[in-house]
PDB file of N, CA and C in Angstrom:
ATOM      1  N   MET A   1    -132.387   2.969 -57.380  1.00  0.00           N
ATOM      2  CA  MET A   1    -130.669   2.490 -57.616  1.00  0.00           C
ATOM      3  C   MET A   1    -129.693   3.577 -57.355  1.00  0.00           C
ATOM      4  N   LYS A   2    -128.694   2.873 -56.849  1.00  0.00           N
ATOM      5  CA  LYS A   2    -127.428   3.802 -56.556  1.00  0.00           C
ATOM      6  C   LYS A   2    -126.410   3.316 -56.782  1.00  0.00           C
ATOM      7  N   LEU A   3    -125.720   4.125 -58.042  1.00  0.00           N
ATOM      8  CA  LEU A   3    -124.500   3.513 -58.516  1.00  0.00           C
ATOM      9  C   LEU A   3    -123.238   3.617 -57.405  1.00  0.00           C
ATOM     10  N   VAL A   4    -122.257   2.728 -57.014  1.00  0.00           N
ATOM     11  CA  VAL A   4    -121.605   2.933 -55.978  1.00  0.00           C
ATOM     12  C   VAL A   4    -119.785   2.519 -56.565  1.00  0.00           C
ATOM     13  N   HIS A   5    -119.877   1.481 -57.215  1.00  0.00           N
ATOM     14  CA  HIS A   5    -118.374   1.449 -57.792  1.00  0.00           C
ATOM     15  C   HIS A   5    -117.451   1.601 -56.407  1.00  0.00           C
ATOM     16  N   GLU A   6    -117.266   0.878 -55.338  1.00  0.00           N
ATOM     17  CA  GLU A   6    -116.541   0.983 -54.375  1.00  0.00           C
ATOM     18  C   GLU A   6    -115.743  -0.447 -54.067  1.00  0.00           C
ATOM     19  N   PRO A   7    -114.619  -0.424 -54.063  1.00  0.00           N
ATOM     20  CA  PRO A   7    -113.767  -1.831 -53.701  1.00  0.00           C
ATOM     21  C   PRO A   7    -114.345  -2.593 -52.150  1.00  0.00           C
ATOM     22  N   ILE A   8    -114.614  -3.537 -52.145  1.00  0.00           N
ATOM     23  CA  ILE A   8    -115.239  -4.433 -50.975  1.00  0.00           C
ATOM     24  C   ILE A   8    -114.288  -5.883 -50.977  1.00  0.00           C
ATOM     25  N   GLN A   9    -114.345  -6.128 -49.550  1.00  0.00           N
ATOM     26  CA  GLN A   9    -113.696  -7.656 -49.455  1.00  0.00           C
ATOM     27  C   GLN A   9    -114.706  -8.625 -49.392  1.00  0.00           C
ATOM     28  N   VAL A  10    -114.543  -9.713 -49.986  1.00  0.00           N
ATOM     29  CA  VAL A  10    -115.696 -10.462 -50.387  1.00  0.00           C
ATOM     30  C   VAL A  10    -115.232 -12.051 -49.404  1.00  0.00           C
ATOM     31  N   GLU A  11    -116.279 -12.593 -48.992  1.00  0.00           N
ATOM     32  CA  GLU A  11    -115.534 -13.902 -48.289  1.00  0.00           C
ATOM     33  C   GLU A  11    -116.672 -15.019 -49.085  1.00  0.00           C
ATOM     34  N   LEU A  12    -115.894 -15.801 -49.611  1.00  0.00           N
ATOM     35  CA  LEU A  12    -116.759 -16.896 -50.524  1.00  0.00           C
ATOM     36  C   LEU A  12    -116.981 -18.085 -49.841  1.00  0.00           C
ATOM     37  N   GLY A  13    -118.239 -18.733 -50.426  1.00  0.00           N
ATOM     38  CA  GLY A  13    -118.237 -20.219 -49.834  1.00  0.00           C
ATOM     39  C   GLY A  13    -117.650 -21.169 -50.591  1.00  0.00           C
ATOM     40  N   ASP A  14    -117.827 -22.474 -50.232  1.00  0.00           N
ATOM     41  CA  ASP A  14    -117.088 -23.549 -50.858  1.00  0.00           C
ATOM     42  C   ASP A  14    -117.600 -23.600 -52.547  1.00  0.00           C
ATOM     43  N   ASN A  15    -118.803 -23.228 -52.889  1.00  0.00           N
ATOM     44  CA  ASN A  15    -119.443 -22.874 -54.325  1.00  0.00           C
ATOM     45  C   ASN A  15    -118.542 -21.778 -54.947  1.00  0.00           C
ATOM     46  N   GLY A  16    -117.875 -20.832 -54.228  1.00  0.00           N
ATOM     47  CA  GLY A  16    -117.338 -19.910 -55.207  1.00  0.00           C
ATOM     48  C   GLY A  16    -118.292 -18.446 -54.899  1.00  0.00           C
ATOM     49  N   LEU A  17    -119.178 -18.551 -54.444  1.00  0.00           N
ATOM     50  CA  LEU A  17    -120.222 -17.188 -54.368  1.00  0.00           C
ATOM     51  C   LEU A  17    -120.225 -16.519 -53.185  1.00  0.00           C
ATOM     52  N   PRO A  18    -120.364 -15.378 -53.134  1.00  0.00           N
ATOM     53  CA  PRO A  18    -120.175 -14.599 -51.961  1.00  0.00           C
ATOM     54  C   PRO A  18    -121.122 -15.119 -50.410  1.00  0.00           C
ATOM     55  N   THR A  19    -120.203 -15.249 -49.276  1.00  0.00           N
ATOM     56  CA  THR A  19    -121.345 -15.471 -48.100  1.00  0.00           C
ATOM     57  C   THR A  19    -121.426 -14.063 -47.295  1.00  0.00           C
ATOM     58  N   SER A  20    -120.482 -13.178 -47.328  1.00  0.00           N
ATOM     59  CA  SER A  20    -120.607 -11.961 -46.913  1.00  0.00           C
ATOM     60  C   SER A  20    -119.563 -10.887 -47.586  1.00  0.00           C
ATOM     61  N   TYR A  21    -119.679  -9.686 -47.361  1.00  0.00           N
ATOM     62  CA  TYR A  21    -118.743  -8.850 -47.622  1.00  0.00           C
ATOM     63  C   TYR A  21    -118.573  -7.443 -46.948  1.00  0.00           C
ATOM     64  N   ARG A  22    -117.445  -6.858 -46.894  1.00  0.00           N
ATOM     65  CA  ARG A  22    -116.998  -5.868 -45.803  1.00  0.00           C
ATOM     66  C   ARG A  22    -117.063  -4.479 -46.943  1.00  0.00           C
ATOM     67  N   TRP A  23    -117.924  -3.466 -46.531  1.00  0.00           N
ATOM     68  CA  TRP A  23    -118.119  -2.484 -47.406  1.00  0.00           C
ATOM     69  C   TRP A  23    -118.350  -1.370 -46.327  1.00  0.00           C
ATOM     70  N   ARG A  24    -117.527  -0.087 -46.515  1.00  0.00           N
ATOM     71  CA  ARG A  24    -117.718   1.040 -45.576  1.00  0.00           C
ATOM     72  C   ARG A  24    -117.465   0.610 -43.995  1.00  0.00           C
ATOM     73  N   ASP A  25    -116.388  -0.211 -43.617  1.00  0.00           N
ATOM     74  CA  ASP A  25    -116.256  -0.606 -42.319  1.00  0.00           C
ATOM     75  C   ASP A  25    -117.140  -1.462 -41.746  1.00  0.00           C
ATOM     76  N   ARG A  26    -118.063  -1.911 -42.459  1.00  0.00           N
ATOM     77  CA  ARG A  26    -119.248  -3.006 -42.087  1.00  0.00           C
ATOM     78  C   ARG A  26    -119.574  -4.107 -42.899  1.00  0.00           C
ATOM     79  N   ASP A  27    -119.559  -5.017 -42.118  1.00  0.00           N
ATOM     80  CA  ASP A  27    -119.751  -6.611 -42.693  1.00  0.00           C
ATOM     81  C   ASP A  27    -121.277  -6.823 -42.853  1.00  0.00           C
ATOM     82  N   TRP A  28    -121.430  -7.354 -44.196  1.00  0.00           N
ATOM     83  CA  TRP A  28    -122.917  -7.433 -44.786  1.00  0.00           C
ATOM     84  C   TRP A  28    -123.241  -8.947 -45.176  1.00  0.00           C
ATOM     85  N   PRO A  29    -123.678  -9.737 -44.149  1.00  0.00           N
ATOM     86  CA  PRO A  29    -123.874 -11.007 -44.435  1.00  0.00           C
ATOM     87  C   PRO A  29    -125.253 -11.371 -45.662  1.00  0.00           C
ATOM     88  N   VAL A  30    -124.647 -12.311 -46.641  1.00  0.00           N
ATOM     89  CA  VAL A  30    -125.131 -12.422 -47.723  1.00  0.00           C
ATOM     90  C   VAL A  30    -126.437 -13.554 -47.693  1.00  0.00           C
ATOM     91  N   LEU A  31    -127.876 -13.147 -47.719  1.00  0.00           N
ATOM     92  CA  LEU A  31    -128.759 -14.218 -47.309  1.00  0.00           C
ATOM     93  C   LEU A  31    -128.919 -14.879 -48.735  1.00  0.00           C
ATOM     94  N   SER A  32    -128.995 -14.425 -49.572  1.00  0.00           N
ATOM     95  CA  SER A  32    -129.244 -15.213 -51.030  1.00  0.00           C
ATOM     96  C   SER A  32    -128.305 -14.555 -51.949  1.00  0.00           C
ATOM     97  N   VAL A  33    -127.973 -15.656 -52.929  1.00  0.00           N
ATOM     98  CA  VAL A  33    -127.745 -15.293 -54.433  1.00  0.00           C
ATOM     99  C   VAL A  33    -128.654 -15.488 -55.323  1.00  0.00           C
ATOM    100  N   LEU A  34    -129.100 -14.201 -55.758  1.00  0.00           N
ATOM    101  CA  LEU A  34    -130.338 -14.191 -56.692  1.00  0.00           C
ATOM    102  C   LEU A  34    -130.150 -14.113 -58.108  1.00  0.00           C
ATOM    103  N   ASP A  35    -128.733 -13.984 -58.706  1.00  0.00           N
ATOM    104  CA  ASP A  35    -128.693 -14.058 -59.943  1.00  0.00           C
ATOM    105  C   ASP A  35    -127.091 -14.183 -60.120  1.00  0.00           C
ATOM    106  N   ARG A  36    -126.784 -14.610 -61.365  1.00  0.00           N
ATOM    107  CA  ARG A  36    -125.371 -14.212 -61.754  1.00  0.00           C
ATOM    108  C   ARG A  36    -124.952 -14.181 -63.088  1.00  0.00           C
ATOM    109  N   TRP A  37    -124.028 -13.496 -63.998  1.00  0.00           N
ATOM    110  CA  TRP A  37    -124.079 -13.296 -65.188  1.00  0.00           C
ATOM    111  C   TRP A  37    -122.608 -12.434 -65.535  1.00  0.00           C
ATOM    112  N   ALA A  38    -122.440 -12.394 -66.725  1.00  0.00           N
ATOM    113  CA  ALA A  38    -120.957 -11.787 -67.295  1.00  0.00           C
ATOM    114  C   ALA A  38    -121.403 -10.788 -68.140  1.00  0.00           C
ATOM    115  N   LEU A  39    -120.387  -9.761 -68.192  1.00  0.00           N
ATOM    116  CA  LEU A  39    -120.737  -8.702 -69.116  1.00  0.00           C
ATOM    117  C   LEU A  39    -119.143  -8.523 -69.787  1.00  0.00           C
ATOM    118  N   GLN A  40    -119.314  -8.498 -71.308  1.00  0.00           N
ATOM    119  CA  GLN A  40    -118.021  -8.469 -72.172  1.00  0.00           C
ATOM    120  C   GLN A  40    -118.153  -7.026 -72.959  1.00  0.00           C
ATOM    121  N   SER A  41    -117.285  -6.043 -72.380  1.00  0.00           N
ATOM    122  CA  SER A  41    -117.388  -4.895 -73.311  1.00  0.00           C
ATOM    123  C   SER A  41    -116.594  -5.092 -74.724  1.00  0.00           C
ATOM    124  N   LYS A  42    -117.143  -4.368 -75.926  1.00  0.00           N
ATOM    125  CA  LYS A  42    -116.576  -4.499 -77.263  1.00  0.00           C
ATOM    126  C   LYS A  42    -116.549  -5.844 -77.397  1.00  0.00           C
ATOM    127  N   TRP A  43    -117.088  -6.901 -77.345  1.00  0.00           N
ATOM    128  CA  TRP A  43    -116.878  -8.159 -77.563  1.00  0.00           C
ATOM    129  C   TRP A  43    -116.450  -8.646 -79.184  1.00  0.00           C
ATOM    130  N   TRP A  44    -116.965  -7.821 -80.019  1.00  0.00           N
ATOM    131  CA  TRP A  44    -116.769  -7.902 -81.298  1.00  0.00           C
ATOM    132  C   TRP A  44    -115.528  -7.346 -81.789  1.00  0.00           C
ATOM    133  N   THR A  45    -114.585  -6.971 -81.083  1.00  0.00           N
ATOM    134  CA  THR A  45    -113.174  -6.500 -81.600  1.00  0.00           C
ATOM    135  C   THR A  45    -112.377  -7.698 -80.841  1.00  0.00           C
ATOM    136  N   LYS A  46    -111.190  -7.605 -81.447  1.00  0.00           N
ATOM    137  CA  LYS A  46    -109.921  -8.453 -80.940  1.00  0.00           C
ATOM    138  C   LYS A  46    -109.499  -7.627 -79.341  1.00  0.00           C
ATOM    139  N   ALA A  47    -109.470  -6.195 -79.594  1.00  0.00           N
ATOM    140  CA  ALA A  47    -109.126  -5.567 -78.090  1.00  0.00           C
ATOM    141  C   ALA A  47    -110.078  -5.806 -77.084  1.00  0.00           C
ATOM    142  N   GLY A  48    -111.455  -6.303 -77.653  1.00  0.00           N
ATOM    143  CA  GLY A  48    -112.411  -6.106 -76.396  1.00  0.00           C
ATOM    144  C   GLY A  48    -112.553  -7.165 -75.562  1.00  0.00           C
ATOM    145  N   THR A  49    -111.651  -7.373 -74.796  1.00  0.00           N
ATOM    146  CA  THR A  49    -111.504  -8.715 -73.867  1.00  0.00           C
ATOM    147  C   THR A  49    -111.562  -8.451 -72.366  1.00  0.00           C
ATOM    148  N   GLU A  50    -112.409  -7.036 -72.148  1.00  0.00           N
ATOM    149  CA  GLU A  50    -112.791  -6.936 -71.055  1.00  0.00           C
ATOM    150  C   GLU A  50    -114.095  -7.567 -70.441  1.00  0.00           C
ATOM    151  N   LYS A  51    -113.845  -8.307 -69.240  1.00  0.00           N
ATOM    152  CA  LYS A  51    -115.127  -9.327 -68.900  1.00  0.00           C
ATOM    153  C   LYS A  51    -114.797  -9.022 -67.616  1.00  0.00           C
ATOM    154  N   ARG A  52    -116.281  -8.892 -67.065  1.00  0.00           N
ATOM    155  CA  ARG A  52    -116.686  -8.514 -65.710  1.00  0.00           C
ATOM    156  C   ARG A  52    -117.944  -9.373 -65.429  1.00  0.00           C
ATOM    157  N   ASP A  53    -117.626 -10.674 -64.219  1.00  0.00           N
ATOM    158  CA  ASP A  53    -118.730 -11.387 -63.908  1.00  0.00           C
ATOM    159  C   ASP A  53    -119.638 -10.821 -62.527  1.00  0.00           C
ATOM    160  N   TYR A  54    -120.792 -10.670 -62.354  1.00  0.00           N
ATOM    161  CA  TYR A  54    -121.549  -9.768 -61.724  1.00  0.00           C
ATOM    162  C   TYR A  54    -122.371 -11.063 -60.861  1.00  0.00           C
ATOM    163  N   VAL A  55    -122.747 -10.785 -59.621  1.00  0.00           N
ATOM    164  CA  VAL A  55    -123.447 -11.614 -58.911  1.00  0.00           C
ATOM    165  C   VAL A  55    -124.529 -10.491 -58.078  1.00  0.00           C
ATOM    166  N   LEU A  56    -125.831 -10.985 -58.283  1.00  0.00           N
ATOM    167  CA  LEU A  56    -126.798 -10.210 -57.381  1.00  0.00           C
ATOM    168  C   LEU A  56    -127.111 -10.889 -56.321  1.00  0.00           C
ATOM    169  N   VAL A  57    -126.954 -10.138 -54.918  1.00  0.00           N
ATOM    170  CA  VAL A  57    -127.351 -10.902 -53.758  1.00  0.00           C
ATOM    171  C   VAL A  57    -128.248  -9.637 -53.180  1.00  0.00           C
ATOM    172  N   GLU A  58    -128.762 -10.574 -51.890  1.00  0.00           N
ATOM    173  CA  GLU A  58    -129.550 -10.044 -51.156  1.00  0.00           C
ATOM    174  C   GLU A  58    -128.584  -9.867 -49.841  1.00  0.00           C
ATOM    175  N   ALA A  59    -128.713  -8.665 -49.380  1.00  0.00           N
ATOM    176  CA  ALA A  59    -127.796  -8.740 -48.149  1.00  0.00           C
ATOM    177  C   ALA A  59    -128.672  -8.133 -46.778  1.00  0.00           C
ATOM    178  N   GLN A  60    -128.240  -8.937 -45.706  1.00  0.00           N
ATOM    179  CA  GLN A  60    -128.736  -8.449 -44.750  1.00  0.00           C
ATOM    180  C   GLN A  60    -128.558  -7.055 -44.110  1.00  0.00           C
ATOM    181  N   GLY A  61    -129.467  -6.429 -43.512  1.00  0.00           N
ATOM    182  CA  GLY A  61    -129.016  -5.204 -42.883  1.00  0.00           C
ATOM    183  C   GLY A  61    -129.378  -4.123 -44.032  1.00  0.00           C
ATOM    184  N   MET A  62    -129.537  -4.332 -45.379  1.00  0.00           N
ATOM    185  CA  MET A  62    -129.654  -3.634 -46.246  1.00  0.00           C
ATOM    186  C   MET A  62    -131.170  -2.964 -46.351  1.00  0.00           C
ATOM    187  N   ASP A  63    -132.074  -2.969 -45.275  1.00  0.00           N
ATOM    188  CA  ASP A  63    -133.396  -2.738 -45.327  1.00  0.00           C
ATOM    189  C   ASP A  63    -134.045  -3.491 -46.569  1.00  0.00           C
ATOM    190  N   GLY A  64    -133.634  -4.491 -47.158  1.00  0.00           N
ATOM    191  CA  GLY A  64    -134.609  -5.260 -48.265  1.00  0.00           C
ATOM    192  C   GLY A  64    -133.982  -5.194 -49.394  1.00  0.00           C
ATOM    193  N   ALA A  65    -133.054  -4.000 -49.721  1.00  0.00           N
ATOM    194  CA  ALA A  65    -132.150  -4.014 -50.718  1.00  0.00           C
ATOM    195  C   ALA A  65    -131.214  -5.085 -51.331  1.00  0.00           C
ATOM    196  N   ASP A  66    -131.507  -5.347 -52.577  1.00  0.00           N
ATOM    197  CA  ASP A  66    -130.422  -5.825 -53.346  1.00  0.00           C
ATOM    198  C   ASP A  66    -129.026  -5.399 -53.660  1.00  0.00           C
ATOM    199  N   CYS A  67    -128.180  -5.959 -53.687  1.00  0.00           N
ATOM    200  CA  CYS A  67    -126.920  -5.126 -53.843  1.00  0.00           C
ATOM    201  C   CYS A  67    -126.218  -5.988 -55.079  1.00  0.00           C
ATOM    202  N   ARG A  68    -125.795  -5.430 -56.297  1.00  0.00           N
ATOM    203  CA  ARG A  68    -124.848  -5.907 -57.170  1.00  0.00           C
ATOM    204  C   ARG A  68    -123.477  -5.922 -57.001  1.00  0.00           C
ATOM    205  N   VAL A  69    -122.768  -7.258 -56.875  1.00  0.00           N
ATOM    206  CA  VAL A  69    -121.500  -7.251 -56.768  1.00  0.00           C
ATOM    207  C   VAL A  69    -120.596  -7.587 -57.741  1.00  0.00           C
ATOM    208  N   GLY A  70    -119.925  -7.023 -58.342  1.00  0.00           N
ATOM    209  CA  GLY A  70    -118.583  -7.544 -59.269  1.00  0.00           C
ATOM    210  C   GLY A  70    -117.514  -7.785 -59.076  1.00  0.00           C
ATOM    211  N   ILE A  71    -116.942  -8.744 -59.745  1.00  0.00           N
ATOM    212  CA  ILE A  71    -115.555  -9.094 -59.712  1.00  0.00           C
ATOM    213  C   ILE A  71    -114.749  -8.816 -61.249  1.00  0.00           C
ATOM    214  N   ASP A  72    -113.797  -8.239 -61.083  1.00  0.00           N
ATOM    215  CA  ASP A  72    -113.051  -8.313 -62.569  1.00  0.00           C
ATOM    216  C   ASP A  72    -112.166  -9.357 -62.588  1.00  0.00           C
ATOM    217  N   LEU A  73    -112.376 -10.002 -63.788  1.00  0.00           N
ATOM    218  CA  LEU A  73    -111.507 -11.217 -63.905  1.00  0.00           C
ATOM    219  C   LEU A  73    -110.259 -11.005 -64.026  1.00  0.00           C
ATOM    220  N   ALA A  74    -109.800  -9.555 -64.609  1.00  0.00           N
ATOM    221  CA  ALA A  74    -107.977  -9.315 -64.758  1.00  0.00           C
ATOM    222  C   ALA A  74    -107.467  -9.293 -63.700  1.00  0.00           C
ATOM    223  N   GLY A  75    -108.304  -9.218 -62.192  1.00  0.00           N
ATOM    224  CA  GLY A  75    -107.531  -9.327 -61.187  1.00  0.00           C
ATOM    225  C   GLY A  75    -107.600  -8.180 -60.115  1.00  0.00           C
ATOM    226  N   ASP A  76    -108.413  -7.129 -60.368  1.00  0.00           N
ATOM    227  CA  ASP A  76    -108.530  -6.181 -59.617  1.00  0.00           C
ATOM    228  C   ASP A  76    -109.408  -6.269 -58.611  1.00  0.00           C
ATOM    229  N   GLY A  77    -109.799  -7.331 -58.460  1.00  0.00           N
ATOM    230  CA  GLY A  77    -110.745  -7.385 -57.240  1.00  0.00           C
ATOM    231  C   GLY A  77    -112.157  -7.218 -57.009  1.00  0.00           C
ATOM    232  N   TRP A  78    -112.615  -7.377 -56.211  1.00  0.00           N
ATOM    233  CA  TRP A  78    -114.323  -7.141 -55.879  1.00  0.00           C
ATOM    234  C   TRP A  78    -114.735  -5.740 -55.846  1.00  0.00           C
ATOM    235  N   GLU A  79    -115.909  -5.301 -56.339  1.00  0.00           N
ATOM    236  CA  GLU A  79    -116.450  -4.105 -55.717  1.00  0.00           C
ATOM    237  C   GLU A  79    -117.895  -3.853 -56.049  1.00  0.00           C
ATOM    238  N   LEU A  80    -118.507  -3.252 -55.322  1.00  0.00           N
ATOM    239  CA  LEU A  80    -119.622  -3.374 -55.072  1.00  0.00           C
ATOM    240  C   LEU A  80    -120.381  -2.313 -56.112  1.00  0.00           C
ATOM    241  N   ALA A  81    -121.080  -2.623 -57.163  1.00  0.00           N
ATOM    242  CA  ALA A  81    -121.183  -1.738 -58.430  1.00  0.00           C
ATOM    243  C   ALA A  81    -122.372  -1.097 -57.965  1.00  0.00           C
ATOM    244  N   LYS A  82    -123.694  -1.837 -57.628  1.00  0.00           N
ATOM    245  CA  LYS A  82    -124.876  -1.035 -57.352  1.00  0.00           C
ATOM    246  C   LYS A  82    -125.786  -1.376 -56.257  1.00  0.00           C
ATOM    247  N   VAL A  83    -126.497  -0.496 -55.672  1.00  0.00           N
ATOM    248  CA  VAL A  83    -127.132  -1.113 -54.515  1.00  0.00           C
ATOM    249  C   VAL A  83    -128.758  -0.763 -55.365  1.00  0.00           C
ATOM    250  N   LEU A  84    -129.595  -1.693 -55.397  1.00  0.00           N
ATOM    251  CA  LEU A  84    -131.019  -1.889 -55.733  1.00  0.00           C
ATOM    252  C   LEU A  84    -132.231  -1.446 -54.556  1.00  0.00           C
ATOM    253  N   MET A  85    -132.488  -0.389 -54.445  1.00  0.00           N
ATOM    254  CA  MET A  85    -133.732  -0.301 -53.399  1.00  0.00           C
ATOM    255  C   MET A  85    -135.340  -0.293 -53.897  1.00  0.00           C
TER     256      MET A  85
END
């Protein structure tokens, strides 16, 4: 597993899920969406409103690696969070 946390551009399908993304000047087609979930930090406090949605995808050309792609609901955009090899 490699932590990345770099911004990416994401193309979405009609269902709102990624169909491809652009990272390091290369396009990565999404073969399948394996999972999706949300994390909320410090949910037990009133100030703990940071929530991030994540999508785990299998991307073509990553030598069979799965990529964890996240979006910040606050509007900061998509980022590639991790590459799981």
